[in-house]
Amino acid sequence: MVAAARTRLSPEDRRAQLLAIGVRTLDDHSIEHLSFDRLSREAGVSRPLLFHYFGSRQGLRTEVVRLARDSMLHATAPDLTLPPLERLHDTLQRLVRFVHEHGGTFYSLVRGAASGDPEVRDAVDAAREVHTERVVAVFTELGHPDSEVLRLALRGWVALAEQMLVDAVGRLPDDEVVALMETSARAVVDALPPQRSKSSRLSQANR
């Protein structure tokens, strides 16, 4: 019996395949446990091949985190045809669904913010910036002035929402998790001090 010929992948396709396997391992293992040994076993390839594609364990982890981040952002991209609050609700629903389906990946991204690897931290911070921009857009469309205070407040809310997702998904009904995040976002914005005009701030500073 003649064995079936193994499909020969291009270098780009092989690298993409290895990264996809790396992301899948995050569902069961933290990013700290992703190593060349583990990935070589999962993918059925040699360690030298992994060194060829990623250079180092740090390089591998960084690329896997970036792909996981991009997958999450794609899965939760806002539907710009919806009104602001409906768009926020829809995005949060899909974020909760992502955590259900890829909890290990989401937890790895959240924990990656405290990583000792600056490139991993930068990748995770970039996701937080995207989430912040998305929610800032919701509230500016509702009439809140776009300001540094608004952005700082909502950047903090993003970190709060991450912790809610880690703690609440699977413990509370999904609609309660979404409602909790929506309510807290509105409360953060409603608690902001009234925005003064630029001329008023300058006048106060010169006194």
Protein backbone atom coordinates (compact mmCIF):
# COMPACT_ATOMS: atom_id res chain seq x y z
CA MET A 1 0.00 0.00 0.00
CA VAL A 2 1.44 3.38 -0.98
CA ALA A 3 1.37 6.02 1.78
CA ALA A 4 -0.39 9.26 0.95
CA ALA A 5 2.01 12.05 0.12
CA ARG A 6 2.34 14.68 2.82
CA THR A 7 1.16 18.11 1.75
CA ARG A 8 4.12 20.42 1.36
CA LEU A 9 3.40 23.86 2.77
CA SER A 10 5.06 27.09 1.76
CA PRO A 11 7.20 28.71 4.49
CA GLU A 12 4.49 31.33 5.04
CA ASP A 13 1.76 28.71 5.36
CA ARG A 14 3.87 26.54 7.67
CA ARG A 15 4.60 29.52 9.92
CA ALA A 16 0.91 30.44 10.02
CA GLN A 17 0.03 26.83 10.85
CA LEU A 18 2.50 26.77 13.74
CA LEU A 19 1.17 30.06 15.12
CA ALA A 20 -2.41 28.77 14.92
CA ILE A 21 -1.41 25.67 16.89
CA GLY A 22 0.33 27.93 19.40
CA VAL A 23 -2.83 29.98 19.86
CA ARG A 24 -4.91 26.83 20.34
CA THR A 25 -2.60 25.68 23.12
CA LEU A 26 -3.52 28.83 25.07
CA ASP A 27 -6.98 27.38 25.64
CA ASP A 28 -5.37 24.85 28.01
CA HIS A 29 -2.03 26.38 28.95
CA SER A 30 -0.85 29.86 29.93
CA ILE A 31 1.56 31.78 27.72
CA GLU A 32 4.34 31.07 30.24
CA HIS A 33 3.99 27.35 29.46
CA LEU A 34 4.28 27.79 25.71
CA SER A 35 7.70 26.48 24.73
CA PHE A 36 9.47 25.02 21.73
CA ASP A 37 9.23 21.58 23.34
CA ARG A 38 5.47 21.82 23.78
CA LEU A 39 4.81 23.28 20.34
CA SER A 40 7.09 20.78 18.61
CA ARG A 41 5.09 17.94 20.21
CA GLU A 42 1.74 19.54 19.35
CA ALA A 43 2.72 20.30 15.76
CA GLY A 44 4.83 17.21 15.12
CA VAL A 45 7.82 19.24 13.93
CA SER A 46 11.39 19.55 15.08
CA ARG A 47 12.73 22.18 17.47
CA PRO A 48 15.24 23.42 14.85
CA LEU A 49 12.33 24.23 12.55
CA LEU A 50 10.74 26.35 15.30
CA PHE A 51 14.03 28.14 15.86
CA HIS A 52 14.16 28.80 12.12
CA TYR A 53 10.74 30.46 12.10
CA PHE A 54 10.74 32.28 15.44
CA GLY A 55 14.35 32.64 16.55
CA SER A 56 13.67 32.24 20.25
CA ARG A 57 11.02 31.24 22.76
CA GLN A 58 10.37 34.93 23.34
CA GLY A 59 9.82 35.45 19.62
CA LEU A 60 7.39 32.54 19.53
CA ARG A 61 5.39 33.79 22.51
CA THR A 62 5.20 37.32 21.15
CA GLU A 63 3.90 36.18 17.77
CA VAL A 64 1.35 33.83 19.36
CA VAL A 65 0.07 36.60 21.64
CA ARG A 66 -0.22 38.99 18.69
CA LEU A 67 -2.24 36.45 16.68
CA ALA A 68 -4.47 35.70 19.69
CA ARG A 69 -4.99 39.43 20.22
CA ASP A 70 -5.89 40.02 16.59
CA SER A 71 -8.31 37.08 16.64
CA MET A 72 -10.09 38.52 19.68
CA LEU A 73 -10.28 42.01 18.18
CA HIS A 74 -11.65 40.61 14.92
CA ALA A 75 -14.27 38.53 16.72
CA THR A 76 -15.45 41.54 18.73
CA ALA A 77 -15.18 44.25 16.08
CA PRO A 78 -18.11 46.68 16.49
CA ASP A 79 -20.99 46.71 14.03
CA LEU A 80 -20.81 50.34 12.89
CA THR A 81 -24.32 50.16 11.43
CA LEU A 82 -25.80 50.01 14.96
CA PRO A 83 -26.61 53.03 17.14
CA PRO A 84 -23.98 53.67 19.86
CA LEU A 85 -25.54 51.86 22.85
CA GLU A 86 -26.76 48.96 20.73
CA ARG A 87 -23.28 48.70 19.27
CA LEU A 88 -21.74 48.58 22.75
CA HIS A 89 -24.23 45.91 23.81
CA ASP A 90 -23.52 43.81 20.73
CA THR A 91 -19.75 44.11 21.16
CA LEU A 92 -19.92 43.09 24.82
CA GLN A 93 -22.13 40.13 23.96
CA ARG A 94 -19.56 38.92 21.46
CA LEU A 95 -16.75 39.49 23.94
CA VAL A 96 -18.53 37.29 26.48
CA ARG A 97 -19.01 34.66 23.76
CA PHE A 98 -15.30 34.83 22.94
CA VAL A 99 -14.41 34.22 26.60
CA HIS A 100 -16.74 31.20 26.66
CA GLU A 101 -15.18 29.74 23.53
CA HIS A 102 -11.56 30.76 24.12
CA GLY A 103 -11.27 31.32 27.86
CA GLY A 104 -7.66 30.21 28.10
CA THR A 105 -6.66 32.53 25.28
CA PHE A 106 -8.47 35.47 26.89
CA TYR A 107 -6.91 34.79 30.30
CA SER A 108 -3.46 34.58 28.70
CA LEU A 109 -4.01 37.97 27.09
CA VAL A 110 -5.19 39.52 30.36
CA ARG A 111 -2.28 38.03 32.31
CA GLY A 112 0.10 39.04 29.53
CA ALA A 113 -0.22 42.66 30.67
CA ALA A 114 1.85 41.70 33.72
CA SER A 115 4.37 39.70 31.71
CA GLY A 116 8.06 40.23 32.18
CA ASP A 117 8.38 40.29 28.39
CA PRO A 118 7.96 43.89 27.16
CA GLU A 119 6.92 42.79 23.67
CA VAL A 120 4.11 40.65 25.10
CA ARG A 121 3.01 43.57 27.29
CA ASP A 122 3.04 45.88 24.28
CA ALA A 123 0.87 43.43 22.31
CA VAL A 124 -1.68 43.25 25.12
CA ASP A 125 -1.62 47.01 25.68
CA ALA A 126 -2.35 47.51 21.99
CA ALA A 127 -5.56 45.46 22.41
CA ARG A 128 -6.57 47.62 25.37
CA GLU A 129 -6.03 50.74 23.31
CA VAL A 130 -8.32 49.38 20.60
CA HIS A 131 -11.01 48.51 23.16
CA THR A 132 -10.66 51.99 24.65
CA GLU A 133 -11.06 53.67 21.27
CA ARG A 134 -14.17 51.60 20.58
CA VAL A 135 -15.90 52.61 23.80
CA VAL A 136 -14.75 56.24 23.53
CA ALA A 137 -16.42 56.34 20.12
CA VAL A 138 -19.69 55.15 21.69
CA PHE A 139 -19.79 57.92 24.28
CA THR A 140 -18.58 60.72 22.03
CA GLU A 141 -21.36 59.80 19.59
CA LEU A 142 -23.74 60.14 22.53
CA GLY A 143 -22.54 63.72 23.02
CA HIS A 144 -19.78 63.45 25.64
CA PRO A 145 -16.76 65.64 24.84
CA ASP A 146 -13.70 63.73 23.68
CA SER A 147 -11.14 64.61 26.32
CA GLU A 148 -8.11 63.21 28.11
CA VAL A 149 -10.26 62.67 31.21
CA LEU A 150 -12.80 60.63 29.24
CA ARG A 151 -10.07 58.51 27.68
CA LEU A 152 -8.30 57.90 30.99
CA ALA A 153 -11.57 56.94 32.66
CA LEU A 154 -12.56 54.52 29.90
CA ARG A 155 -9.04 53.07 29.74
CA GLY A 156 -9.51 52.22 33.40
CA TRP A 157 -12.94 50.79 32.66
CA VAL A 158 -11.42 48.45 30.06
CA ALA A 159 -9.16 46.95 32.74
CA LEU A 160 -12.19 46.67 35.05
CA ALA A 161 -14.22 44.95 32.33
CA GLU A 162 -11.41 42.46 31.75
CA GLN A 163 -11.51 41.47 35.41
CA MET A 164 -15.31 41.19 35.30
CA LEU A 165 -15.01 38.82 32.36
CA VAL A 166 -12.40 36.71 34.14
CA ASP A 167 -14.45 36.51 37.35
CA ALA A 168 -18.04 36.44 36.09
CA VAL A 169 -18.22 34.52 32.80
CA GLY A 170 -19.42 31.04 33.68
CA ARG A 171 -20.52 32.12 37.16
CA LEU A 172 -23.26 34.58 36.19
CA PRO A 173 -25.73 34.40 33.31
CA ASP A 174 -24.29 36.02 30.19
CA ASP A 175 -26.94 38.75 30.07
CA GLU A 176 -26.07 39.75 33.65
CA VAL A 177 -22.37 39.97 32.78
CA VAL A 178 -23.14 42.17 29.78
CA ALA A 179 -25.50 44.36 31.84
CA LEU A 180 -22.86 44.74 34.56
CA MET A 181 -20.27 45.95 32.07
CA GLU A 182 -22.72 48.30 30.35
CA THR A 183 -23.89 49.80 33.63
CA SER A 184 -20.37 50.28 34.91
CA ALA A 185 -19.27 51.99 31.68
CA ARG A 186 -22.14 54.47 31.88
CA ALA A 187 -21.48 55.05 35.60
CA VAL A 188 -17.80 55.82 34.92
CA VAL A 189 -18.71 58.38 32.28
CA ASP A 190 -21.55 59.91 34.32
CA ALA A 191 -19.18 60.38 37.26
CA LEU A 192 -16.74 62.53 35.27
CA PRO A 193 -16.51 66.21 36.24
CA PRO A 194 -18.04 68.73 33.82
CA GLN A 195 -15.61 69.67 31.08
CA ARG A 196 -14.45 73.28 31.17
CA SER A 197 -13.52 75.21 28.08
CA LYS A 198 -9.86 75.59 27.16
CA SER A 199 -9.96 79.35 27.86
CA SER A 200 -11.38 78.69 31.33
CA ARG A 201 -8.59 76.23 32.13
CA LEU A 202 -5.94 78.70 30.98
CA SER A 203 -7.45 81.46 33.06
CA GLN A 204 -7.47 79.22 36.14
CA ALA A 205 -3.83 78.20 35.56
CA ASN A 206 -2.67 81.84 35.31
CA ARG A 207 -4.14 82.91 38.64
